[in-house]
N, C-alpha and C. Protein backbone atom coordinates (compact mmCIF):
# COMPACT_ATOMS: atom_id res chain seq x y z
N MET A 1 196.28 -39.09 195.59
CA MET A 1 194.97 -39.12 194.94
C MET A 1 194.84 -40.40 194.15
N LYS A 2 193.63 -41.02 194.23
CA LYS A 2 193.40 -42.24 193.50
C LYS A 2 192.49 -41.91 192.25
N ILE A 3 193.00 -42.16 191.09
CA ILE A 3 192.29 -41.86 189.84
C ILE A 3 191.95 -43.10 189.06
N CYS A 4 190.65 -43.18 188.68
CA CYS A 4 190.16 -44.36 187.97
C CYS A 4 190.10 -44.10 186.44
N PHE A 5 190.64 -45.05 185.71
CA PHE A 5 190.65 -45.03 184.27
C PHE A 5 189.91 -46.20 183.70
N PRO A 6 188.88 -46.06 182.85
CA PRO A 6 188.28 -47.26 182.20
C PRO A 6 189.24 -47.73 181.10
N VAL A 7 189.50 -49.03 181.05
CA VAL A 7 190.44 -49.59 180.06
C VAL A 7 189.87 -50.91 179.56
N ASP A 8 190.45 -51.33 178.41
CA ASP A 8 190.10 -52.68 177.87
C ASP A 8 191.08 -53.76 178.33
N ASN A 9 192.34 -53.38 178.49
CA ASN A 9 193.36 -54.28 178.88
C ASN A 9 194.28 -53.61 179.87
N ASN A 10 194.84 -54.42 180.80
CA ASN A 10 195.78 -53.90 181.76
C ASN A 10 197.20 -53.94 181.17
N ASN A 11 197.65 -52.83 180.70
CA ASN A 11 199.04 -52.62 180.23
C ASN A 11 199.78 -51.64 181.01
N GLY A 12 199.52 -51.56 182.27
CA GLY A 12 200.14 -50.50 183.12
C GLY A 12 199.86 -49.09 182.67
N LEU A 13 200.90 -48.28 182.69
CA LEU A 13 200.71 -46.89 182.28
C LEU A 13 200.43 -46.78 180.81
N ASP A 14 200.75 -47.82 180.02
CA ASP A 14 200.44 -47.85 178.57
C ASP A 14 199.03 -48.26 178.25
N SER A 15 198.22 -48.56 179.27
CA SER A 15 196.81 -48.92 179.01
C SER A 15 196.11 -47.84 178.29
N GLN A 16 195.34 -48.22 177.23
CA GLN A 16 194.58 -47.25 176.47
C GLN A 16 193.32 -46.97 177.23
N VAL A 17 192.95 -45.69 177.32
CA VAL A 17 191.75 -45.25 177.97
C VAL A 17 190.59 -45.70 177.07
N PHE A 18 189.64 -46.52 177.67
CA PHE A 18 188.46 -47.01 176.91
C PHE A 18 187.54 -45.87 176.46
N GLY A 19 186.83 -46.13 175.36
CA GLY A 19 185.98 -45.10 174.79
C GLY A 19 184.76 -44.73 175.57
N HIS A 20 184.24 -45.56 176.55
CA HIS A 20 183.02 -45.26 177.25
C HIS A 20 183.08 -45.91 178.62
N PHE A 21 182.83 -45.16 179.65
CA PHE A 21 182.86 -45.57 181.03
C PHE A 21 182.08 -46.85 181.26
N GLY A 22 180.81 -46.83 181.00
CA GLY A 22 179.87 -47.91 181.38
C GLY A 22 180.13 -49.26 180.69
N SER A 23 180.65 -49.20 179.47
CA SER A 23 180.93 -50.49 178.75
C SER A 23 182.37 -50.90 178.80
N SER A 24 183.15 -50.25 179.66
CA SER A 24 184.54 -50.69 179.80
C SER A 24 184.58 -51.99 180.55
N PRO A 25 185.34 -52.98 180.14
CA PRO A 25 185.43 -54.24 180.78
C PRO A 25 186.18 -54.17 182.20
N MET A 26 187.01 -53.20 182.35
CA MET A 26 187.71 -53.04 183.59
C MET A 26 188.20 -51.61 183.82
N PHE A 27 188.67 -51.35 185.03
CA PHE A 27 189.20 -50.08 185.38
C PHE A 27 190.54 -50.25 186.00
N MET A 28 191.37 -49.23 185.79
CA MET A 28 192.70 -49.23 186.50
C MET A 28 192.63 -48.07 187.46
N VAL A 29 192.97 -48.35 188.70
CA VAL A 29 192.96 -47.31 189.73
C VAL A 29 194.39 -47.00 190.05
N VAL A 30 194.80 -45.75 189.83
CA VAL A 30 196.19 -45.30 189.96
C VAL A 30 196.32 -44.36 191.18
N ASN A 31 197.22 -44.68 192.07
CA ASN A 31 197.60 -43.80 193.22
C ASN A 31 198.64 -42.88 192.63
N THR A 32 198.28 -41.60 192.45
CA THR A 32 199.19 -40.63 191.85
C THR A 32 200.44 -40.37 192.63
N GLU A 33 200.43 -40.68 193.96
CA GLU A 33 201.63 -40.35 194.74
C GLU A 33 202.63 -41.55 194.68
N THR A 34 202.14 -42.75 194.55
CA THR A 34 203.03 -43.91 194.53
C THR A 34 203.15 -44.60 193.13
N LEU A 35 202.22 -44.21 192.21
CA LEU A 35 202.03 -44.83 190.90
C LEU A 35 201.61 -46.31 191.03
N GLU A 36 201.24 -46.78 192.21
CA GLU A 36 200.67 -48.13 192.37
C GLU A 36 199.39 -48.21 191.57
N MET A 37 199.16 -49.34 190.95
CA MET A 37 197.96 -49.60 190.18
C MET A 37 197.20 -50.76 190.61
N ALA A 38 195.87 -50.70 190.54
CA ALA A 38 195.05 -51.82 190.89
C ALA A 38 194.05 -52.03 189.78
N GLU A 39 193.82 -53.23 189.36
CA GLU A 39 192.87 -53.56 188.30
C GLU A 39 191.48 -53.92 189.01
N VAL A 40 190.46 -53.39 188.48
CA VAL A 40 189.12 -53.58 189.00
C VAL A 40 188.19 -54.03 187.85
N SER A 41 187.57 -55.20 187.95
CA SER A 41 186.61 -55.58 186.96
C SER A 41 185.33 -54.75 187.08
N ASN A 42 184.69 -54.40 185.95
CA ASN A 42 183.51 -53.67 185.88
C ASN A 42 182.36 -54.55 186.43
N GLN A 43 181.87 -54.19 187.57
CA GLN A 43 180.83 -54.98 188.26
C GLN A 43 179.48 -54.69 187.69
N ASP A 44 179.32 -53.70 186.77
CA ASP A 44 178.09 -53.33 186.21
C ASP A 44 178.08 -53.38 184.66
N LEU A 45 178.94 -54.25 184.10
CA LEU A 45 179.21 -54.32 182.71
C LEU A 45 177.98 -54.56 181.87
N HIS A 46 177.10 -55.41 182.35
CA HIS A 46 175.90 -55.80 181.55
C HIS A 46 174.68 -55.13 181.91
N HIS A 47 174.79 -53.82 182.20
CA HIS A 47 173.61 -53.03 182.56
C HIS A 47 172.84 -52.68 181.32
N ALA A 48 171.56 -52.31 181.48
CA ALA A 48 170.80 -51.82 180.32
C ALA A 48 171.33 -50.47 179.90
N HIS A 49 171.27 -50.24 178.57
CA HIS A 49 171.79 -48.93 178.06
C HIS A 49 171.04 -47.80 178.79
N GLY A 50 171.86 -46.85 179.28
CA GLY A 50 171.29 -45.66 179.99
C GLY A 50 171.09 -45.95 181.46
N SER A 51 171.40 -47.13 181.97
CA SER A 51 171.20 -47.48 183.38
C SER A 51 172.42 -47.84 184.17
N CYS A 52 173.53 -47.24 183.69
CA CYS A 52 174.85 -47.54 184.37
C CYS A 52 174.78 -47.10 185.81
N SER A 53 175.29 -47.92 186.71
CA SER A 53 175.40 -47.61 188.13
C SER A 53 176.90 -47.46 188.33
N PRO A 54 177.51 -46.27 188.19
CA PRO A 54 178.91 -46.12 188.23
C PRO A 54 179.59 -46.58 189.48
N LEU A 55 178.97 -46.32 190.61
CA LEU A 55 179.62 -46.68 191.86
C LEU A 55 179.62 -48.26 192.03
N HIS A 56 178.51 -48.92 191.57
CA HIS A 56 178.44 -50.34 191.48
C HIS A 56 179.49 -50.90 190.58
N ALA A 57 179.69 -50.22 189.46
CA ALA A 57 180.70 -50.67 188.46
C ALA A 57 182.06 -50.75 189.07
N LEU A 58 182.38 -49.77 189.96
CA LEU A 58 183.73 -49.77 190.62
C LEU A 58 183.77 -50.83 191.74
N GLY A 59 182.71 -51.56 192.03
CA GLY A 59 182.77 -52.59 193.06
C GLY A 59 183.12 -51.99 194.44
N GLY A 60 182.72 -50.87 194.74
CA GLY A 60 182.97 -50.27 196.09
C GLY A 60 184.33 -49.68 196.21
N ARG A 61 185.19 -49.75 195.18
CA ARG A 61 186.53 -49.18 195.25
C ARG A 61 186.49 -47.67 195.41
N GLN A 62 187.21 -47.18 196.40
CA GLN A 62 187.22 -45.78 196.69
C GLN A 62 188.20 -45.01 195.78
N VAL A 63 187.71 -44.06 195.06
CA VAL A 63 188.57 -43.23 194.14
C VAL A 63 188.25 -41.71 194.42
N ASP A 64 189.14 -40.86 193.89
CA ASP A 64 188.92 -39.43 194.04
C ASP A 64 188.45 -38.79 192.80
N ALA A 65 188.81 -39.41 191.62
CA ALA A 65 188.45 -38.85 190.36
C ALA A 65 188.41 -39.93 189.31
N ILE A 66 187.77 -39.61 188.20
CA ILE A 66 187.63 -40.48 187.01
C ILE A 66 188.15 -39.78 185.82
N VAL A 67 188.92 -40.49 184.93
CA VAL A 67 189.36 -39.85 183.67
C VAL A 67 188.79 -40.80 182.54
N VAL A 68 187.97 -40.23 181.69
CA VAL A 68 187.24 -40.95 180.62
C VAL A 68 187.27 -40.26 179.36
N SER A 69 187.05 -41.09 178.30
CA SER A 69 186.90 -40.50 176.94
C SER A 69 185.46 -40.19 176.66
N GLY A 70 184.55 -40.98 177.23
CA GLY A 70 183.11 -40.77 177.01
C GLY A 70 182.31 -41.35 178.18
N ILE A 71 181.18 -40.73 178.47
CA ILE A 71 180.34 -41.15 179.57
C ILE A 71 178.94 -40.62 179.34
N GLY A 72 177.98 -41.43 179.82
CA GLY A 72 176.59 -41.02 179.70
C GLY A 72 176.16 -40.03 180.85
N ALA A 73 175.07 -39.40 180.62
CA ALA A 73 174.59 -38.39 181.58
C ALA A 73 174.30 -38.95 182.93
N GLY A 74 173.65 -40.16 182.97
CA GLY A 74 173.31 -40.76 184.26
C GLY A 74 174.59 -41.07 185.05
N ALA A 75 175.56 -41.64 184.42
CA ALA A 75 176.82 -42.03 185.08
C ALA A 75 177.59 -40.77 185.57
N LEU A 76 177.61 -39.74 184.74
CA LEU A 76 178.22 -38.46 185.13
C LEU A 76 177.56 -37.87 186.37
N MET A 77 176.24 -37.83 186.29
CA MET A 77 175.52 -37.27 187.47
C MET A 77 175.75 -38.09 188.72
N GLY A 78 175.73 -39.47 188.54
CA GLY A 78 175.90 -40.29 189.72
C GLY A 78 177.22 -40.11 190.33
N LEU A 79 178.28 -40.03 189.46
CA LEU A 79 179.65 -39.82 190.02
C LEU A 79 179.76 -38.47 190.69
N ASN A 80 179.21 -37.40 190.01
CA ASN A 80 179.30 -36.08 190.58
C ASN A 80 178.55 -35.97 191.96
N ARG A 81 177.30 -36.58 192.04
CA ARG A 81 176.55 -36.68 193.30
C ARG A 81 177.38 -37.34 194.43
N ALA A 82 178.20 -38.26 194.07
CA ALA A 82 179.08 -38.98 195.02
C ALA A 82 180.32 -38.12 195.39
N GLY A 83 180.40 -36.99 194.82
CA GLY A 83 181.57 -36.13 195.13
C GLY A 83 182.75 -36.32 194.24
N LEU A 84 182.62 -37.09 193.23
CA LEU A 84 183.79 -37.43 192.32
C LEU A 84 183.85 -36.46 191.11
N LYS A 85 185.05 -36.03 190.80
CA LYS A 85 185.21 -35.21 189.67
C LYS A 85 185.42 -36.14 188.46
N VAL A 86 184.97 -35.81 187.36
CA VAL A 86 185.10 -36.61 186.08
C VAL A 86 185.75 -35.80 185.09
N TYR A 87 187.03 -36.22 184.68
CA TYR A 87 187.82 -35.43 183.72
C TYR A 87 187.70 -36.12 182.35
N ARG A 88 187.85 -35.26 181.34
CA ARG A 88 187.84 -35.69 179.94
C ARG A 88 189.27 -36.02 179.55
N ALA A 89 189.48 -37.28 179.09
CA ALA A 89 190.76 -37.69 178.69
C ALA A 89 191.29 -36.88 177.51
N GLN A 90 192.61 -36.54 177.54
CA GLN A 90 193.19 -35.78 176.45
C GLN A 90 194.31 -36.59 175.75
N GLY A 91 194.74 -37.66 176.40
CA GLY A 91 195.77 -38.51 175.80
C GLY A 91 195.18 -39.91 175.56
N ALA A 92 195.85 -40.70 174.86
CA ALA A 92 195.33 -42.08 174.58
C ALA A 92 195.58 -43.09 175.69
N THR A 93 196.66 -42.85 176.54
CA THR A 93 196.98 -43.83 177.54
C THR A 93 196.86 -43.21 178.93
N ILE A 94 196.92 -44.06 179.96
CA ILE A 94 196.86 -43.67 181.32
C ILE A 94 198.05 -42.74 181.55
N GLY A 95 199.24 -43.14 181.15
CA GLY A 95 200.45 -42.34 181.40
C GLY A 95 200.30 -40.93 180.81
N GLU A 96 199.82 -40.86 179.58
CA GLU A 96 199.60 -39.55 178.96
C GLU A 96 198.67 -38.66 179.71
N ASN A 97 197.59 -39.26 180.15
CA ASN A 97 196.58 -38.47 180.92
C ASN A 97 197.11 -38.09 182.26
N LEU A 98 197.92 -38.89 182.89
CA LEU A 98 198.57 -38.52 184.19
C LEU A 98 199.39 -37.30 183.90
N ALA A 99 200.16 -37.25 182.84
CA ALA A 99 200.98 -36.14 182.51
C ALA A 99 200.13 -34.85 182.28
N TRP A 100 199.03 -35.00 181.59
CA TRP A 100 198.15 -33.84 181.38
C TRP A 100 197.64 -33.35 182.74
N MET A 101 197.24 -34.31 183.59
CA MET A 101 196.70 -33.96 184.93
C MET A 101 197.76 -33.25 185.73
N ALA A 102 199.00 -33.67 185.71
CA ALA A 102 200.03 -33.02 186.44
C ALA A 102 200.26 -31.60 186.01
N GLN A 103 199.89 -31.28 184.75
CA GLN A 103 199.98 -29.95 184.25
C GLN A 103 198.69 -29.13 184.51
N VAL A 104 197.70 -29.80 185.24
CA VAL A 104 196.40 -29.24 185.56
C VAL A 104 195.68 -28.83 184.24
N GLU A 105 195.72 -29.71 183.27
CA GLU A 105 195.14 -29.39 181.98
C GLU A 105 194.12 -30.36 181.51
N LEU A 106 193.58 -31.22 182.42
CA LEU A 106 192.48 -32.11 182.00
C LEU A 106 191.19 -31.34 182.39
N PRO A 107 190.36 -31.12 181.37
CA PRO A 107 189.03 -30.45 181.63
C PRO A 107 188.06 -31.39 182.33
N GLU A 108 187.25 -30.84 183.18
CA GLU A 108 186.17 -31.57 183.76
C GLU A 108 185.06 -31.78 182.75
N PHE A 109 184.46 -33.01 182.71
CA PHE A 109 183.35 -33.29 181.89
C PHE A 109 182.12 -32.46 182.31
N THR A 110 181.39 -31.96 181.39
CA THR A 110 180.17 -31.12 181.67
C THR A 110 179.01 -31.87 181.13
N PRO A 111 177.77 -31.65 181.55
CA PRO A 111 176.58 -32.31 181.08
C PRO A 111 176.40 -32.19 179.60
N GLY A 112 176.89 -31.09 179.02
CA GLY A 112 176.76 -30.89 177.55
C GLY A 112 177.68 -31.71 176.72
N GLN A 113 178.59 -32.43 177.34
CA GLN A 113 179.59 -33.26 176.65
C GLN A 113 179.28 -34.76 176.69
N VAL A 114 178.28 -35.20 177.35
CA VAL A 114 177.96 -36.54 177.57
C VAL A 114 177.47 -37.17 176.36
N CYS A 115 177.47 -38.56 176.32
CA CYS A 115 176.94 -39.38 175.24
C CYS A 115 175.38 -39.43 175.45
N GLY A 116 174.68 -39.42 174.33
CA GLY A 116 173.24 -39.45 174.46
C GLY A 116 172.71 -40.82 174.00
N GLY A 117 173.54 -41.73 173.55
CA GLY A 117 173.07 -43.04 173.03
C GLY A 117 173.90 -43.39 171.81
N HIS A 118 173.61 -44.52 171.27
CA HIS A 118 174.35 -44.96 170.14
C HIS A 118 174.01 -44.07 168.95
N GLY A 119 175.04 -43.70 168.21
CA GLY A 119 174.84 -42.86 166.99
C GLY A 119 174.56 -41.42 167.29
N ASP A 120 174.95 -40.97 168.52
CA ASP A 120 174.60 -39.57 168.85
C ASP A 120 175.70 -38.61 168.51
N GLY A 121 176.81 -39.08 167.94
CA GLY A 121 177.86 -38.19 167.51
C GLY A 121 178.68 -37.67 168.65
N CYS A 122 178.83 -38.41 169.75
CA CYS A 122 179.61 -37.92 170.90
C CYS A 122 181.10 -38.01 170.63
N GLY A 123 181.53 -38.66 169.57
CA GLY A 123 182.91 -38.61 169.17
C GLY A 123 183.83 -39.69 169.67
N HIS A 124 183.28 -40.80 170.23
CA HIS A 124 184.13 -41.92 170.59
C HIS A 124 183.58 -43.19 170.09
């Protein structure tokens, strides 16, 4: 399974999960079977607020799931329409979230948990 994590810096499994999908400068794609990691620059970083194109952001990279701390409604819907599950990060780092995922304890993001804009109190 290939899982995408938005991050600020590439520190391998110690990379901190970035606070918001659309404004993340890069993504780390982790193959959970081999633990191979690939860095992907956010191809949609300078989008207008509320207009994130999540599949464009990934630059065509094929993934099976996304693990994020925060995400807007449009990005969540776009990823879900593409058949991707979006999970809510429970740990601070990629490694911690992979451990949570191995325990089948990462909850899926729901529309009621998305960010509604700056200052909306979404918690990240």
